[in-house]
Amino acid sequence: MTLKFLGTTSENGNCPTLYEVVETGDIVVQGDRLIDTGHLEQLRDVKDSETFVVVPRELLTRFAPKE
């Protein structure tokens, strides 16, 4: 699997950051883990293998693929 760096809104190598899986076009998100229990309780259909990260809106609107 090859990751292509798409962009970040952070400085000094901190997250959040977006990557694209070259072979599939899927997006990988690097960010701070969501730990607020009130927010976690509102999530639905969560698999044991899933985790959640917080992504600033600016990162997605600036760097997420448009197509």
PDB file of N, CA and C in Angstrom:
ATOM      1  N   MET A   1       0.851  -1.174   0.000  1.00  0.00           N
ATOM      2  CA  MET A   1       0.000   0.000   0.000  1.00  0.00           C
ATOM      3  C   MET A   1       0.893   1.233   0.000  1.00  0.00           C
ATOM      4  N   THR A   2       0.618   2.155  -0.905  1.00  0.00           N
ATOM      5  CA  THR A   2       1.385   3.382  -1.025  1.00  0.00           C
ATOM      6  C   THR A   2       0.521   4.560  -0.598  1.00  0.00           C
ATOM      7  N   LEU A   3       1.031   5.369   0.333  1.00  0.00           N
ATOM      8  CA  LEU A   3       0.308   6.550   0.774  1.00  0.00           C
ATOM      9  C   LEU A   3       0.879   7.790   0.105  1.00  0.00           C
ATOM     10  N   LYS A   4      -0.031   8.649  -0.360  1.00  0.00           N
ATOM     11  CA  LYS A   4       0.347   9.926  -0.960  1.00  0.00           C
ATOM     12  C   LYS A   4      -0.091  11.036  -0.002  1.00  0.00           C
ATOM     13  N   PHE A   5       0.831  11.879   0.418  1.00  0.00           N
ATOM     14  CA  PHE A   5       0.528  13.010   1.286  1.00  0.00           C
ATOM     15  C   PHE A   5      -0.362  13.985   0.533  1.00  0.00           C
ATOM     16  N   LEU A   6      -1.498  14.364   1.132  1.00  0.00           N
ATOM     17  CA  LEU A   6      -2.397  15.333   0.501  1.00  0.00           C
ATOM     18  C   LEU A   6      -2.250  16.723   1.093  1.00  0.00           C
ATOM     19  N   GLY A   7      -2.132  16.800   2.420  1.00  0.00           N
ATOM     20  CA  GLY A   7      -1.982  18.115   3.022  1.00  0.00           C
ATOM     21  C   GLY A   7      -2.246  18.101   4.507  1.00  0.00           C
ATOM     22  N   THR A   8      -1.874  19.215   5.130  1.00  0.00           N
ATOM     23  CA  THR A   8      -2.081  19.395   6.559  1.00  0.00           C
ATOM     24  C   THR A   8      -2.296  20.870   6.832  1.00  0.00           C
ATOM     25  N   THR A   9      -2.995  21.176   7.903  1.00  0.00           N
ATOM     26  CA  THR A   9      -3.159  22.564   8.338  1.00  0.00           C
ATOM     27  C   THR A   9      -2.374  22.813   9.611  1.00  0.00           C
ATOM     28  N   SER A  10      -1.583  21.840  10.033  1.00  0.00           N
ATOM     29  CA  SER A  10      -0.810  21.986  11.258  1.00  0.00           C
ATOM     30  C   SER A  10       0.605  22.439  10.946  1.00  0.00           C
ATOM     31  N   GLU A  11       1.319  22.806  11.979  1.00  0.00           N
ATOM     32  CA  GLU A  11       2.697  23.248  11.831  1.00  0.00           C
ATOM     33  C   GLU A  11       3.624  22.320  12.600  1.00  0.00           C
ATOM     34  N   ASN A  12       4.867  22.275  12.213  1.00  0.00           N
ATOM     35  CA  ASN A  12       5.905  21.513  12.911  1.00  0.00           C
ATOM     36  C   ASN A  12       5.641  20.021  12.942  1.00  0.00           C
ATOM     37  N   GLY A  13       4.985  19.471  11.910  1.00  0.00           N
ATOM     38  CA  GLY A  13       4.789  18.036  11.823  1.00  0.00           C
ATOM     39  C   GLY A  13       3.700  17.475  12.706  1.00  0.00           C
ATOM     40  N   ASN A  14       2.911  18.303  13.323  1.00  0.00           N
ATOM     41  CA  ASN A  14       1.792  17.808  14.139  1.00  0.00           C
ATOM     42  C   ASN A  14       0.644  17.409  13.237  1.00  0.00           C
ATOM     43  N   CYS A  15      -0.289  16.618  13.761  1.00  0.00           N
ATOM     44  CA  CYS A  15      -1.465  16.278  12.989  1.00  0.00           C
ATOM     45  C   CYS A  15      -2.462  17.412  13.133  1.00  0.00           C
ATOM     46  N   PRO A  16      -3.488  17.466  12.393  1.00  0.00           N
ATOM     47  CA  PRO A  16      -4.051  16.451  11.513  1.00  0.00           C
ATOM     48  C   PRO A  16      -3.458  16.519  10.103  1.00  0.00           C
ATOM     49  N   THR A  17      -3.529  15.389   9.434  1.00  0.00           N
ATOM     50  CA  THR A  17      -2.987  15.272   8.091  1.00  0.00           C
ATOM     51  C   THR A  17      -3.860  14.327   7.278  1.00  0.00           C
ATOM     52  N   LEU A  18      -3.968  14.578   5.975  1.00  0.00           N
ATOM     53  CA  LEU A  18      -4.699  13.699   5.066  1.00  0.00           C
ATOM     54  C   LEU A  18      -3.723  13.016   4.111  1.00  0.00           C
ATOM     55  N   TYR A  19      -3.998  11.730   3.853  1.00  0.00           N
ATOM     56  CA  TYR A  19      -3.245  10.935   2.886  1.00  0.00           C
ATOM     57  C   TYR A  19      -4.241  10.225   1.977  1.00  0.00           C
ATOM     58  N   GLU A  20      -3.793   9.857   0.786  1.00  0.00           N
ATOM     59  CA  GLU A  20      -4.594   9.041  -0.126  1.00  0.00           C
ATOM     60  C   GLU A  20      -3.889   7.704  -0.327  1.00  0.00           C
ATOM     61  N   VAL A  21      -4.652   6.616  -0.292  1.00  0.00           N
ATOM     62  CA  VAL A  21      -4.105   5.309  -0.645  1.00  0.00           C
ATOM     63  C   VAL A  21      -4.090   5.263  -2.166  1.00  0.00           C
ATOM     64  N   VAL A  22      -2.912   5.272  -2.744  1.00  0.00           N
ATOM     65  CA  VAL A  22      -2.755   5.391  -4.192  1.00  0.00           C
ATOM     66  C   VAL A  22      -3.502   4.289  -4.934  1.00  0.00           C
ATOM     67  N   GLU A  23      -3.408   3.073  -4.452  1.00  0.00           N
ATOM     68  CA  GLU A  23      -4.001   1.936  -5.156  1.00  0.00           C
ATOM     69  C   GLU A  23      -5.528   1.938  -5.145  1.00  0.00           C
ATOM     70  N   THR A  24      -6.152   2.546  -4.133  1.00  0.00           N
ATOM     71  CA  THR A  24      -7.612   2.471  -4.018  1.00  0.00           C
ATOM     72  C   THR A  24      -8.320   3.819  -4.075  1.00  0.00           C
ATOM     73  N   GLY A  25      -7.577   4.896  -3.833  1.00  0.00           N
ATOM     74  CA  GLY A  25      -8.199   6.212  -3.758  1.00  0.00           C
ATOM     75  C   GLY A  25      -8.806   6.506  -2.398  1.00  0.00           C
ATOM     76  N   ASP A  26      -8.735   5.553  -1.454  1.00  0.00           N
ATOM     77  CA  ASP A  26      -9.254   5.777  -0.109  1.00  0.00           C
ATOM     78  C   ASP A  26      -8.442   6.860   0.588  1.00  0.00           C
ATOM     79  N   ILE A  27      -9.058   7.517   1.569  1.00  0.00           N
ATOM     80  CA  ILE A  27      -8.416   8.590   2.315  1.00  0.00           C
ATOM     81  C   ILE A  27      -8.079   8.102   3.719  1.00  0.00           C
ATOM     82  N   VAL A  28      -6.858   8.386   4.160  1.00  0.00           N
ATOM     83  CA  VAL A  28      -6.413   8.070   5.514  1.00  0.00           C
ATOM     84  C   VAL A  28      -6.287   9.387   6.266  1.00  0.00           C
ATOM     85  N   VAL A  29      -6.844   9.422   7.475  1.00  0.00           N
ATOM     86  CA  VAL A  29      -6.829  10.628   8.296  1.00  0.00           C
ATOM     87  C   VAL A  29      -5.965  10.400   9.526  1.00  0.00           C
ATOM     88  N   GLN A  30      -5.023  11.284   9.740  1.00  0.00           N
ATOM     89  CA  GLN A  30      -4.206  11.275  10.949  1.00  0.00           C
ATOM     90  C   GLN A  30      -4.671  12.438  11.802  1.00  0.00           C
ATOM     91  N   GLY A  31      -5.020  12.167  13.053  1.00  0.00           N
ATOM     92  CA  GLY A  31      -5.474  13.248  13.918  1.00  0.00           C
ATOM     93  C   GLY A  31      -5.569  12.794  15.356  1.00  0.00           C
ATOM     94  N   ASP A  32      -5.970  13.716  16.197  1.00  0.00           N
ATOM     95  CA  ASP A  32      -6.146  13.392  17.606  1.00  0.00           C
ATOM     96  C   ASP A  32      -7.360  12.493  17.791  1.00  0.00           C
ATOM     97  N   ARG A  33      -7.193  11.466  18.612  1.00  0.00           N
ATOM     98  CA  ARG A  33      -8.265  10.509  18.875  1.00  0.00           C
ATOM     99  C   ARG A  33      -9.427  11.195  19.590  1.00  0.00           C
ATOM    100  N   LEU A  34     -10.637  10.868  19.200  1.00  0.00           N
ATOM    101  CA  LEU A  34     -11.836  11.359  19.869  1.00  0.00           C
ATOM    102  C   LEU A  34     -11.977  10.617  21.187  1.00  0.00           C
ATOM    103  N   ILE A  35     -11.925  11.345  22.297  1.00  0.00           N
ATOM    104  CA  ILE A  35     -12.010  10.698  23.609  1.00  0.00           C
ATOM    105  C   ILE A  35     -13.169  11.216  24.453  1.00  0.00           C
ATOM    106  N   ASP A  36     -13.889  12.216  23.980  1.00  0.00           N
ATOM    107  CA  ASP A  36     -15.023  12.764  24.718  1.00  0.00           C
ATOM    108  C   ASP A  36     -16.121  11.709  24.806  1.00  0.00           C
ATOM    109  N   THR A  37     -16.422  11.239  26.014  1.00  0.00           N
ATOM    110  CA  THR A  37     -17.396  10.154  26.171  1.00  0.00           C
ATOM    111  C   THR A  37     -18.785  10.555  25.693  1.00  0.00           C
ATOM    112  N   GLY A  38     -19.142  11.818  25.835  1.00  0.00           N
ATOM    113  CA  GLY A  38     -20.442  12.275  25.345  1.00  0.00           C
ATOM    114  C   GLY A  38     -20.557  12.146  23.840  1.00  0.00           C
ATOM    115  N   HIS A  39     -19.486  12.452  23.137  1.00  0.00           N
ATOM    116  CA  HIS A  39     -19.489  12.304  21.681  1.00  0.00           C
ATOM    117  C   HIS A  39     -19.448  10.828  21.293  1.00  0.00           C
ATOM    118  N   LEU A  40     -18.619  10.049  21.970  1.00  0.00           N
ATOM    119  CA  LEU A  40     -18.508   8.624  21.643  1.00  0.00           C
ATOM    120  C   LEU A  40     -19.838   7.898  21.817  1.00  0.00           C
ATOM    121  N   GLU A  41     -20.609   8.278  22.810  1.00  0.00           N
ATOM    122  CA  GLU A  41     -21.910   7.643  23.049  1.00  0.00           C
ATOM    123  C   GLU A  41     -22.898   7.902  21.918  1.00  0.00           C
ATOM    124  N   GLN A  42     -22.681   8.940  21.143  1.00  0.00           N
ATOM    125  CA  GLN A  42     -23.605   9.295  20.060  1.00  0.00           C
ATOM    126  C   GLN A  42     -23.286   8.588  18.741  1.00  0.00           C
ATOM    127  N   LEU A  43     -22.144   7.922  18.665  1.00  0.00           N
ATOM    128  CA  LEU A  43     -21.768   7.216  17.442  1.00  0.00           C
ATOM    129  C   LEU A  43     -22.584   5.953  17.272  1.00  0.00           C
ATOM    130  N   ARG A  44     -22.857   5.578  16.024  1.00  0.00           N
ATOM    131  CA  ARG A  44     -23.685   4.396  15.755  1.00  0.00           C
ATOM    132  C   ARG A  44     -22.925   3.339  14.984  1.00  0.00           C
ATOM    133  N   ASP A  45     -23.338   2.090  15.176  1.00  0.00           N
ATOM    134  CA  ASP A  45     -22.818   0.955  14.399  1.00  0.00           C
ATOM    135  C   ASP A  45     -21.293   0.895  14.412  1.00  0.00           C
ATOM    136  N   VAL A  46     -20.714   0.989  15.595  1.00  0.00           N
ATOM    137  CA  VAL A  46     -19.260   1.011  15.744  1.00  0.00           C
ATOM    138  C   VAL A  46     -18.715  -0.411  15.824  1.00  0.00           C
ATOM    139  N   LYS A  47     -17.756  -0.713  14.962  1.00  0.00           N
ATOM    140  CA  LYS A  47     -17.085  -2.011  14.973  1.00  0.00           C
ATOM    141  C   LYS A  47     -15.908  -1.959  15.951  1.00  0.00           C
ATOM    142  N   ASP A  48     -15.504  -3.111  16.467  1.00  0.00           N
ATOM    143  CA  ASP A  48     -14.359  -3.186  17.371  1.00  0.00           C
ATOM    144  C   ASP A  48     -13.081  -2.684  16.707  1.00  0.00           C
ATOM    145  N   SER A  49     -12.980  -2.802  15.394  1.00  0.00           N
ATOM    146  CA  SER A  49     -11.768  -2.412  14.673  1.00  0.00           C
ATOM    147  C   SER A  49     -11.707  -0.916  14.369  1.00  0.00           C
ATOM    148  N   GLU A  50     -12.764  -0.166  14.666  1.00  0.00           N
ATOM    149  CA  GLU A  50     -12.819   1.238  14.293  1.00  0.00           C
ATOM    150  C   GLU A  50     -12.338   2.163  15.411  1.00  0.00           C
ATOM    151  N   THR A  51     -11.771   3.270  14.990  1.00  0.00           N
ATOM    152  CA  THR A  51     -11.406   4.349  15.902  1.00  0.00           C
ATOM    153  C   THR A  51     -11.841   5.655  15.258  1.00  0.00           C
ATOM    154  N   PHE A  52     -11.825   6.720  16.008  1.00  0.00           N
ATOM    155  CA  PHE A  52     -12.341   7.995  15.513  1.00  0.00           C
ATOM    156  C   PHE A  52     -11.341   9.095  15.820  1.00  0.00           C
ATOM    157  N   VAL A  53     -11.143   9.989  14.841  1.00  0.00           N
ATOM    158  CA  VAL A  53     -10.240  11.121  15.024  1.00  0.00           C
ATOM    159  C   VAL A  53     -10.987  12.409  14.725  1.00  0.00           C
ATOM    160  N   VAL A  54     -10.542  13.471  15.340  1.00  0.00           N
ATOM    161  CA  VAL A  54     -11.126  14.789  15.137  1.00  0.00           C
ATOM    162  C   VAL A  54     -10.351  15.491  14.019  1.00  0.00           C
ATOM    163  N   VAL A  55     -11.091  16.008  13.033  1.00  0.00           N
ATOM    164  CA  VAL A  55     -10.471  16.661  11.885  1.00  0.00           C
ATOM    165  C   VAL A  55     -11.051  18.071  11.754  1.00  0.00           C
ATOM    166  N   PRO A  56     -10.210  19.088  11.753  1.00  0.00           N
ATOM    167  CA  PRO A  56     -10.716  20.441  11.544  1.00  0.00           C
ATOM    168  C   PRO A  56     -11.363  20.577  10.159  1.00  0.00           C
ATOM    169  N   ARG A  57     -12.467  21.258  10.098  1.00  0.00           N
ATOM    170  CA  ARG A  57     -13.179  21.463   8.830  1.00  0.00           C
ATOM    171  C   ARG A  57     -12.256  22.057   7.768  1.00  0.00           C
ATOM    172  N   GLU A  58     -11.387  22.984   8.176  1.00  0.00           N
ATOM    173  CA  GLU A  58     -10.475  23.641   7.223  1.00  0.00           C
ATOM    174  C   GLU A  58      -9.595  22.630   6.493  1.00  0.00           C
ATOM    175  N   LEU A  59      -9.147  21.587   7.194  1.00  0.00           N
ATOM    176  CA  LEU A  59      -8.307  20.583   6.551  1.00  0.00           C
ATOM    177  C   LEU A  59      -9.071  19.884   5.436  1.00  0.00           C
ATOM    178  N   LEU A  60     -10.303  19.498   5.699  1.00  0.00           N
ATOM    179  CA  LEU A  60     -11.088  18.787   4.689  1.00  0.00           C
ATOM    180  C   LEU A  60     -11.456  19.678   3.517  1.00  0.00           C
ATOM    181  N   THR A  61     -11.866  20.902   3.785  1.00  0.00           N
ATOM    182  CA  THR A  61     -12.279  21.777   2.693  1.00  0.00           C
ATOM    183  C   THR A  61     -11.093  22.237   1.854  1.00  0.00           C
ATOM    184  N   ARG A  62      -9.914  22.230   2.448  1.00  0.00           N
ATOM    185  CA  ARG A  62      -8.731  22.695   1.726  1.00  0.00           C
ATOM    186  C   ARG A  62      -8.028  21.601   0.947  1.00  0.00           C
ATOM    187  N   PHE A  63      -7.981  20.368   1.501  1.00  0.00           N
ATOM    188  CA  PHE A  63      -7.149  19.335   0.908  1.00  0.00           C
ATOM    189  C   PHE A  63      -7.885  18.075   0.457  1.00  0.00           C
ATOM    190  N   ALA A  64      -9.125  17.862   0.871  1.00  0.00           N
ATOM    191  CA  ALA A  64      -9.824  16.634   0.474  1.00  0.00           C
ATOM    192  C   ALA A  64     -10.037  16.632  -1.039  1.00  0.00           C
ATOM    193  N   PRO A  65      -9.882  15.471  -1.684  1.00  0.00           N
ATOM    194  CA  PRO A  65     -10.104  15.402  -3.128  1.00  0.00           C
ATOM    195  C   PRO A  65     -11.518  15.864  -3.501  1.00  0.00           C
ATOM    196  N   LYS A  66     -11.622  16.561  -4.590  1.00  0.00           N
ATOM    197  CA  LYS A  66     -12.920  17.120  -5.022  1.00  0.00           C
ATOM    198  C   LYS A  66     -13.713  16.156  -5.900  1.00  0.00           C
ATOM    199  N   GLU A  67     -13.058  15.161  -6.512  1.00  0.00           N
ATOM    200  CA  GLU A  67     -13.763  14.265  -7.413  1.00  0.00           C
ATOM    201  C   GLU A  67     -14.271  13.038  -6.708  1.00  0.00           C
TER     202      GLU A  67
END
